């Protein structure tokens, strides 16, 4: 790792994953190892455990922030920090499903970035959950739509020029730490 910031994020992410796994399973952080699968995805392993229930983990970082999700089912998390303004509609046309692009086109210019980042983080988090990353052709077929909490398989939070997305399964219960109380939360279904 060439940059000092990237090295700090790597260490913080590994520490946070072990802390979160320990809290989730009522164990100690030192009981957990964070390894990589043959596909490069993170995997939590409990030291000395012969048979264990799978603990799924996902990590993300952006800017100075690091996010981790741990669950008993496959889960994906993505965090994006808003940077410079971009041609949101051109990017959307390249990656998003046509109904998502249409929703973006209906918004005032001042609101484009927020919805763009919600869609983007949802696609990234779903790719992490499914283990195949962000694939453009598949991302264009997947269409996110806001829904009520009981139907949701995903949640986004928008705060402090950041967007965080968590993709899991319908009916998942979450316990989130470090998200500002003023964060704008939205529940999502993803079709396709």
Protein backbone atom coordinates (compact mmCIF):
# COMPACT_ATOMS: atom_id res chain seq x y z
CA UNK A 1 0.00 0.00 0.00
CA UNK A 2 1.59 3.15 -1.22
CA UNK A 3 -0.34 5.81 0.65
CA UNK A 4 -0.35 6.35 4.39
CA UNK A 5 -4.10 7.09 4.29
CA UNK A 6 -4.84 3.78 2.53
CA UNK A 7 -2.72 1.92 5.10
CA UNK A 8 -4.63 3.58 7.97
CA UNK A 9 -7.97 2.70 6.35
CA UNK A 10 -6.88 -0.92 5.89
CA UNK A 11 -5.88 -1.24 9.55
CA UNK A 12 -8.99 0.59 10.77
CA UNK A 13 -11.25 -1.59 8.60
CA UNK A 14 -9.70 -4.81 9.90
CA UNK A 15 -9.91 -3.62 13.50
CA UNK A 16 -13.52 -2.48 13.05
CA UNK A 17 -14.51 -5.79 11.40
CA UNK A 18 -13.12 -7.80 14.34
CA UNK A 19 -14.74 -5.44 16.89
CA UNK A 20 -18.09 -5.70 15.11
CA UNK A 21 -17.88 -9.50 14.80
CA UNK A 22 -17.12 -9.75 18.52
CA UNK A 23 -20.10 -7.58 19.44
CA UNK A 24 -22.33 -9.55 17.04
CA UNK A 25 -21.34 -12.94 18.50
CA UNK A 26 -20.61 -12.01 22.13
CA UNK A 27 -16.95 -12.98 21.75
CA UNK A 28 -13.68 -11.04 21.88
CA UNK A 29 -12.15 -9.11 18.94
CA UNK A 30 -8.96 -11.15 19.21
CA UNK A 31 -11.03 -14.29 18.56
CA UNK A 32 -11.48 -13.19 14.94
CA UNK A 33 -9.28 -13.12 11.86
CA UNK A 34 -10.12 -11.18 8.75
CA UNK A 35 -8.88 -13.07 5.70
CA UNK A 36 -9.45 -12.87 1.97
CA UNK A 37 -11.24 -15.53 -0.04
CA UNK A 38 -9.73 -16.75 -3.29
CA UNK A 39 -11.91 -14.12 -5.02
CA UNK A 40 -10.47 -11.32 -2.88
CA UNK A 41 -13.60 -10.79 -0.77
CA UNK A 42 -13.16 -10.35 3.01
CA UNK A 43 -14.02 -13.30 5.23
CA UNK A 44 -14.23 -13.50 9.03
CA UNK A 45 -12.85 -16.64 10.66
CA UNK A 46 -13.08 -17.45 14.35
CA UNK A 47 -9.77 -18.62 15.79
CA UNK A 48 -9.87 -22.20 17.04
CA UNK A 49 -13.48 -22.83 16.04
CA UNK A 50 -14.06 -26.22 14.44
CA UNK A 51 -17.58 -25.58 13.17
CA UNK A 52 -19.03 -22.13 13.16
CA UNK A 53 -22.02 -20.39 11.72
CA UNK A 54 -20.89 -18.25 8.82
CA UNK A 55 -20.33 -14.61 9.65
CA UNK A 56 -20.52 -12.48 6.53
CA UNK A 57 -18.58 -9.23 6.37
CA UNK A 58 -18.32 -6.30 4.00
CA UNK A 59 -16.02 -3.27 4.19
CA UNK A 60 -15.90 0.10 2.47
CA UNK A 61 -13.94 3.31 2.81
CA UNK A 62 -14.15 6.74 1.30
CA UNK A 63 -12.31 9.88 2.26
CA UNK A 64 -11.39 9.55 5.92
CA UNK A 65 -14.31 7.22 6.79
CA UNK A 66 -14.47 3.43 7.04
CA UNK A 67 -17.65 1.33 7.18
CA UNK A 68 -18.14 -2.33 8.10
CA UNK A 69 -21.18 -4.60 8.03
CA UNK A 70 -21.40 -8.00 9.73
CA UNK A 71 -24.36 -10.38 9.40
CA UNK A 72 -25.45 -14.02 9.52
CA UNK A 73 -26.43 -13.68 5.83
CA UNK A 74 -24.57 -12.25 2.81
CA UNK A 75 -24.31 -8.49 3.15
CA UNK A 76 -22.71 -5.66 1.20
CA UNK A 77 -21.83 -2.14 2.28
CA UNK A 78 -20.62 0.85 0.29
CA UNK A 79 -19.64 4.33 1.40
CA UNK A 80 -19.05 7.25 -0.95
CA UNK A 81 -17.95 10.77 -0.10
CA UNK A 82 -19.21 13.43 -2.47
CA UNK A 83 -16.34 15.10 -4.23
CA UNK A 84 -16.36 17.45 -7.15
CA UNK A 85 -19.44 17.99 -9.29
CA UNK A 86 -19.69 15.69 -12.29
CA UNK A 87 -21.94 15.14 -15.24
CA UNK A 88 -24.34 13.01 -13.15
CA UNK A 89 -26.69 12.26 -16.04
CA UNK A 90 -23.91 11.08 -18.37
CA UNK A 91 -22.55 8.78 -15.67
CA UNK A 92 -26.04 7.50 -14.92
CA UNK A 93 -26.69 6.75 -18.60
CA UNK A 94 -23.59 4.56 -18.59
CA UNK A 95 -24.29 2.57 -15.40
CA UNK A 96 -27.91 2.90 -14.21
CA UNK A 97 -31.13 1.24 -15.32
CA UNK A 98 -33.33 3.36 -17.63
CA UNK A 99 -36.03 4.02 -14.95
CA UNK A 100 -33.30 5.26 -12.57
CA UNK A 101 -31.96 7.60 -15.26
CA UNK A 102 -35.46 8.90 -15.87
CA UNK A 103 -35.95 9.63 -12.15
CA UNK A 104 -32.68 11.56 -12.13
CA UNK A 105 -33.72 13.60 -15.18
CA UNK A 106 -36.88 14.68 -13.37
CA UNK A 107 -34.94 16.24 -10.47
CA UNK A 108 -33.71 19.82 -10.17
CA UNK A 109 -29.94 20.06 -10.74
CA UNK A 110 -29.35 20.75 -7.02
CA UNK A 111 -30.80 17.33 -6.08
CA UNK A 112 -29.05 15.15 -8.69
CA UNK A 113 -25.94 14.26 -6.71
CA UNK A 114 -27.84 12.93 -3.68
CA UNK A 115 -29.96 10.45 -5.64
CA UNK A 116 -27.03 9.58 -7.90
CA UNK A 117 -24.95 8.54 -4.86
CA UNK A 118 -27.85 6.56 -3.41
CA UNK A 119 -28.15 4.56 -6.64
CA UNK A 120 -24.37 4.20 -7.00
CA UNK A 121 -23.79 2.94 -3.45
CA UNK A 122 -26.72 0.52 -3.77
CA UNK A 123 -25.17 -0.99 -6.92
CA UNK A 124 -21.73 -1.25 -5.31
CA UNK A 125 -23.14 -2.77 -2.10
CA UNK A 126 -25.25 -5.29 -4.03
CA UNK A 127 -22.18 -6.35 -6.02
CA UNK A 128 -20.29 -6.89 -2.76
CA UNK A 129 -23.16 -8.86 -1.26
CA UNK A 130 -23.40 -11.09 -4.32
CA UNK A 131 -19.61 -11.48 -4.53
CA UNK A 132 -19.16 -10.28 -8.10
CA UNK A 133 -18.54 -6.56 -7.70
CA UNK A 134 -19.98 -3.82 -9.88
CA UNK A 135 -20.63 -5.13 -13.38
CA UNK A 136 -21.97 -2.52 -15.76
CA UNK A 137 -24.29 -4.79 -17.78
CA UNK A 138 -25.85 -6.18 -14.61
CA UNK A 139 -26.03 -2.76 -12.95
CA UNK A 140 -28.04 -1.48 -15.92
CA UNK A 141 -30.59 -4.30 -15.38
CA UNK A 142 -30.91 -3.74 -11.62
CA UNK A 143 -33.38 -1.03 -10.72
CA UNK A 144 -33.63 0.40 -7.21
CA UNK A 145 -36.94 1.76 -6.02
CA UNK A 146 -37.82 3.29 -2.69
CA UNK A 147 -40.16 1.17 -0.57
CA UNK A 148 -41.47 0.72 2.94
CA UNK A 149 -39.16 -0.82 5.53
CA UNK A 150 -40.81 -4.30 5.70
CA UNK A 151 -40.25 -4.83 1.94
CA UNK A 152 -36.69 -3.50 1.89
CA UNK A 153 -33.53 -5.45 1.16
CA UNK A 154 -31.41 -2.30 1.35
CA UNK A 155 -31.03 0.94 3.26
CA UNK A 156 -29.22 4.15 2.39
CA UNK A 157 -28.19 6.98 4.69
CA UNK A 158 -27.23 10.42 3.37
CA UNK A 159 -25.24 12.71 5.68
CA UNK A 160 -22.34 15.18 5.73
CA UNK A 161 -21.75 14.90 1.95
CA UNK A 162 -21.54 11.12 2.31
CA UNK A 163 -23.82 8.28 1.28
CA UNK A 164 -23.81 4.85 2.92
CA UNK A 165 -25.68 1.85 1.51
CA UNK A 166 -26.31 -1.53 3.11
CA UNK A 167 -27.72 -4.41 1.03
CA UNK A 168 -28.79 -7.62 2.74
CA UNK A 169 -32.09 -9.47 2.76
CA UNK A 170 -35.75 -8.66 3.30
CA UNK A 171 -36.70 -8.29 6.95
CA UNK A 172 -33.14 -7.69 8.14
CA UNK A 173 -32.77 -5.85 11.41
CA UNK A 174 -29.94 -3.37 11.67
CA UNK A 175 -27.98 -1.81 14.46
CA UNK A 176 -25.93 1.07 13.12
CA UNK A 177 -23.26 2.99 15.02
CA UNK A 178 -21.55 6.18 13.92
CA UNK A 179 -24.32 7.38 11.61
CA UNK A 180 -25.45 10.90 12.54
CA UNK A 181 -28.99 11.13 13.91
CA UNK A 182 -29.79 13.71 11.21
CA UNK A 183 -28.91 11.27 8.39
CA UNK A 184 -31.63 10.94 5.76
CA UNK A 185 -32.55 7.25 5.67
CA UNK A 186 -34.32 5.53 2.79
CA UNK A 187 -35.41 1.90 2.33
CA UNK A 188 -35.05 0.14 -1.04
CA UNK A 189 -36.10 -2.83 -3.09
CA UNK A 190 -33.83 -3.79 -6.00
CA UNK A 191 -35.45 -5.45 -8.99
CA UNK A 192 -33.58 -7.35 -11.67
